[in-house]
Amino acid sequence: MQEASAYRQEVSLRHAPPEVETTSAGFLHANIELIRKAQIVVANLDPFRGPDPDRGTAFELGYAHQLSKKHLRESS
């Protein structure tokens, strides 16, 4: 599990824009700004580390819904 978590963090850091602070708070604020700018949000709601979707994805989808953004939910 730790290996997968480290890989996800490495990938996230690699793809973060240079101006994004690479902390949890930095990613949160960057994601919120990207959702605000988006015309549509696509979310994968497959179970992640248990029976439920990823909590971060659920938050992002809920935030997009609150902003009345179009959203597409995908799951296997």
N, C-alpha and C. Protein backbone atom coordinates (compact mmCIF):
# COMPACT_ATOMS: atom_id res chain seq x y z
N MET A 1 0.81 -1.19 0.00
CA MET A 1 0.00 0.00 0.00
C MET A 1 0.86 1.26 0.00
N GLN A 2 1.89 1.30 0.83
CA GLN A 2 2.74 2.50 0.90
C GLN A 2 3.40 2.76 -0.45
N GLU A 3 3.74 1.68 -1.16
CA GLU A 3 4.39 1.83 -2.46
C GLU A 3 3.45 2.54 -3.43
N ALA A 4 2.19 2.12 -3.45
CA ALA A 4 1.20 2.75 -4.35
C ALA A 4 1.00 4.21 -3.96
N SER A 5 0.93 4.49 -2.67
CA SER A 5 0.75 5.86 -2.21
C SER A 5 1.94 6.74 -2.60
N ALA A 6 3.14 6.22 -2.46
CA ALA A 6 4.34 6.97 -2.84
C ALA A 6 4.34 7.23 -4.34
N TYR A 7 3.91 6.23 -5.13
CA TYR A 7 3.87 6.40 -6.58
C TYR A 7 2.86 7.49 -6.95
N ARG A 8 1.67 7.45 -6.34
CA ARG A 8 0.66 8.48 -6.64
C ARG A 8 1.17 9.86 -6.30
N GLN A 9 1.86 9.98 -5.16
CA GLN A 9 2.39 11.28 -4.77
C GLN A 9 3.44 11.74 -5.76
N GLU A 10 4.30 10.83 -6.21
CA GLU A 10 5.34 11.18 -7.17
C GLU A 10 4.73 11.65 -8.48
N VAL A 11 3.71 10.92 -8.95
CA VAL A 11 3.04 11.30 -10.20
C VAL A 11 2.37 12.65 -10.03
N SER A 12 1.69 12.86 -8.90
CA SER A 12 1.03 14.14 -8.65
C SER A 12 2.02 15.29 -8.66
N LEU A 13 3.16 15.10 -8.01
CA LEU A 13 4.16 16.15 -7.96
C LEU A 13 4.74 16.43 -9.33
N ARG A 14 4.92 15.37 -10.12
CA ARG A 14 5.51 15.53 -11.45
C ARG A 14 4.58 16.32 -12.37
N HIS A 15 3.27 16.16 -12.18
CA HIS A 15 2.32 16.81 -13.08
C HIS A 15 1.75 18.11 -12.52
N ALA A 16 2.18 18.48 -11.34
CA ALA A 16 1.70 19.74 -10.76
C ALA A 16 2.34 20.91 -11.49
N PRO A 17 1.55 21.94 -11.78
CA PRO A 17 2.15 23.14 -12.36
C PRO A 17 3.23 23.68 -11.44
N PRO A 18 4.26 24.31 -11.98
CA PRO A 18 5.38 24.78 -11.16
C PRO A 18 4.98 25.74 -10.04
N GLU A 19 3.90 26.47 -10.23
CA GLU A 19 3.52 27.45 -9.21
C GLU A 19 2.70 26.84 -8.07
N VAL A 20 2.37 25.52 -8.15
CA VAL A 20 1.58 24.87 -7.12
C VAL A 20 2.48 24.43 -5.97
N GLU A 21 2.08 24.83 -4.78
CA GLU A 21 2.80 24.38 -3.58
C GLU A 21 2.52 22.88 -3.42
N THR A 22 3.57 22.09 -3.32
CA THR A 22 3.41 20.63 -3.30
C THR A 22 3.18 20.10 -1.89
N THR A 23 2.12 20.60 -1.27
CA THR A 23 1.65 20.12 0.02
C THR A 23 0.18 19.77 -0.15
N SER A 24 -0.40 19.14 0.85
CA SER A 24 -1.84 18.81 0.77
C SER A 24 -2.67 20.07 0.54
N ALA A 25 -2.36 21.13 1.28
CA ALA A 25 -3.11 22.38 1.13
C ALA A 25 -2.90 22.97 -0.26
N GLY A 26 -1.67 22.89 -0.77
CA GLY A 26 -1.38 23.40 -2.09
C GLY A 26 -2.17 22.68 -3.17
N PHE A 27 -2.23 21.34 -3.07
CA PHE A 27 -3.00 20.57 -4.05
C PHE A 27 -4.49 20.85 -3.92
N LEU A 28 -4.98 21.01 -2.70
CA LEU A 28 -6.39 21.31 -2.50
C LEU A 28 -6.75 22.62 -3.19
N HIS A 29 -5.98 23.66 -2.95
CA HIS A 29 -6.26 24.96 -3.55
C HIS A 29 -6.12 24.92 -5.08
N ALA A 30 -5.13 24.16 -5.57
CA ALA A 30 -4.96 24.03 -7.03
C ALA A 30 -6.15 23.30 -7.64
N ASN A 31 -6.61 22.22 -6.98
CA ASN A 31 -7.75 21.47 -7.50
C ASN A 31 -9.02 22.32 -7.51
N ILE A 32 -9.22 23.09 -6.45
CA ILE A 32 -10.39 23.96 -6.39
C ILE A 32 -10.36 24.97 -7.53
N GLU A 33 -9.20 25.55 -7.77
CA GLU A 33 -9.08 26.53 -8.86
C GLU A 33 -9.32 25.88 -10.22
N LEU A 34 -8.80 24.67 -10.42
CA LEU A 34 -9.01 23.96 -11.69
C LEU A 34 -10.48 23.62 -11.88
N ILE A 35 -11.17 23.22 -10.82
CA ILE A 35 -12.60 22.93 -10.92
C ILE A 35 -13.37 24.20 -11.26
N ARG A 36 -13.02 25.30 -10.64
CA ARG A 36 -13.69 26.58 -10.94
C ARG A 36 -13.53 26.96 -12.40
N LYS A 37 -12.37 26.68 -12.99
CA LYS A 37 -12.10 27.03 -14.38
C LYS A 37 -12.69 26.04 -15.39
N ALA A 38 -12.98 24.83 -14.94
CA ALA A 38 -13.41 23.75 -15.84
C ALA A 38 -14.81 23.98 -16.38
N GLN A 39 -15.01 23.50 -17.59
CA GLN A 39 -16.35 23.51 -18.17
C GLN A 39 -17.10 22.23 -17.80
N ILE A 40 -16.35 21.14 -17.61
CA ILE A 40 -16.92 19.85 -17.24
C ILE A 40 -15.91 19.12 -16.36
N VAL A 41 -16.42 18.33 -15.42
CA VAL A 41 -15.57 17.52 -14.55
C VAL A 41 -15.92 16.05 -14.79
N VAL A 42 -14.90 15.25 -15.04
CA VAL A 42 -15.07 13.81 -15.25
C VAL A 42 -14.49 13.11 -14.03
N ALA A 43 -15.27 12.24 -13.41
CA ALA A 43 -14.83 11.58 -12.18
C ALA A 43 -14.96 10.07 -12.28
N ASN A 44 -13.91 9.35 -11.90
CA ASN A 44 -13.93 7.90 -11.82
C ASN A 44 -14.34 7.53 -10.40
N LEU A 45 -15.49 6.90 -10.26
CA LEU A 45 -16.03 6.57 -8.95
C LEU A 45 -15.86 5.09 -8.59
N ASP A 46 -14.93 4.41 -9.23
CA ASP A 46 -14.64 3.02 -8.86
C ASP A 46 -14.15 2.97 -7.42
N PRO A 47 -14.42 1.87 -6.71
CA PRO A 47 -13.91 1.73 -5.34
C PRO A 47 -12.40 1.91 -5.30
N PHE A 48 -11.92 2.58 -4.25
CA PHE A 48 -10.50 2.86 -4.10
C PHE A 48 -10.10 2.53 -2.67
N ARG A 49 -9.25 1.54 -2.52
CA ARG A 49 -8.80 1.10 -1.18
C ARG A 49 -9.98 0.76 -0.27
N GLY A 50 -10.94 0.05 -0.79
CA GLY A 50 -12.10 -0.34 -0.01
C GLY A 50 -13.35 -0.29 -0.88
N PRO A 51 -14.52 -0.30 -0.26
CA PRO A 51 -15.77 -0.38 -1.03
C PRO A 51 -16.25 0.95 -1.61
N ASP A 52 -15.61 2.05 -1.24
CA ASP A 52 -16.10 3.37 -1.64
C ASP A 52 -15.14 4.05 -2.62
N PRO A 53 -15.64 5.05 -3.36
CA PRO A 53 -14.76 5.83 -4.24
C PRO A 53 -13.73 6.62 -3.42
N ASP A 54 -12.71 7.09 -4.09
CA ASP A 54 -11.70 7.93 -3.45
C ASP A 54 -12.36 9.16 -2.84
N ARG A 55 -12.01 9.47 -1.61
CA ARG A 55 -12.62 10.62 -0.92
C ARG A 55 -12.32 11.94 -1.61
N GLY A 56 -11.12 12.07 -2.14
CA GLY A 56 -10.76 13.30 -2.84
C GLY A 56 -11.60 13.49 -4.09
N THR A 57 -11.81 12.39 -4.81
CA THR A 57 -12.64 12.45 -6.03
C THR A 57 -14.07 12.79 -5.66
N ALA A 58 -14.58 12.20 -4.59
CA ALA A 58 -15.95 12.50 -4.15
C ALA A 58 -16.08 13.98 -3.78
N PHE A 59 -15.08 14.52 -3.10
CA PHE A 59 -15.09 15.94 -2.76
C PHE A 59 -15.10 16.80 -4.02
N GLU A 60 -14.22 16.47 -4.97
CA GLU A 60 -14.12 17.26 -6.20
C GLU A 60 -15.43 17.23 -6.97
N LEU A 61 -16.06 16.07 -7.03
CA LEU A 61 -17.34 15.95 -7.73
C LEU A 61 -18.42 16.76 -7.02
N GLY A 62 -18.45 16.68 -5.69
CA GLY A 62 -19.42 17.45 -4.92
C GLY A 62 -19.21 18.95 -5.07
N TYR A 63 -17.95 19.35 -5.09
CA TYR A 63 -17.64 20.77 -5.26
C TYR A 63 -18.08 21.25 -6.65
N ALA A 64 -17.81 20.44 -7.66
CA ALA A 64 -18.24 20.78 -9.02
C ALA A 64 -19.76 20.88 -9.10
N HIS A 65 -20.45 19.96 -8.44
CA HIS A 65 -21.91 19.99 -8.42
C HIS A 65 -22.42 21.27 -7.75
N GLN A 66 -21.79 21.63 -6.63
CA GLN A 66 -22.18 22.85 -5.91
C GLN A 66 -22.03 24.09 -6.79
N LEU A 67 -21.03 24.07 -7.67
CA LEU A 67 -20.81 25.20 -8.59
C LEU A 67 -21.64 25.09 -9.86
N SER A 68 -22.52 24.10 -9.91
CA SER A 68 -23.38 23.84 -11.08
C SER A 68 -22.57 23.53 -12.34
N LYS A 69 -21.42 22.87 -12.17
CA LYS A 69 -20.60 22.46 -13.31
C LYS A 69 -21.19 21.19 -13.90
N LYS A 70 -21.09 21.05 -15.19
CA LYS A 70 -21.46 19.78 -15.82
C LYS A 70 -20.46 18.74 -15.32
N HIS A 71 -20.96 17.54 -15.08
CA HIS A 71 -20.06 16.50 -14.62
C HIS A 71 -20.47 15.14 -15.17
N LEU A 72 -19.48 14.33 -15.39
CA LEU A 72 -19.67 12.97 -15.91
C LEU A 72 -19.06 12.02 -14.90
N ARG A 73 -19.88 11.10 -14.42
CA ARG A 73 -19.40 10.12 -13.45
C ARG A 73 -19.20 8.79 -14.17
N GLU A 74 -18.05 8.17 -13.94
CA GLU A 74 -17.72 6.92 -14.60
C GLU A 74 -17.37 5.89 -13.54
N SER A 75 -17.81 4.66 -13.77
CA SER A 75 -17.43 3.56 -12.89
C SER A 75 -17.62 2.25 -13.63
N SER A 76 -16.81 1.27 -13.25
CA SER A 76 -16.86 -0.04 -13.92
C SER A 76 -18.12 -0.79 -13.56
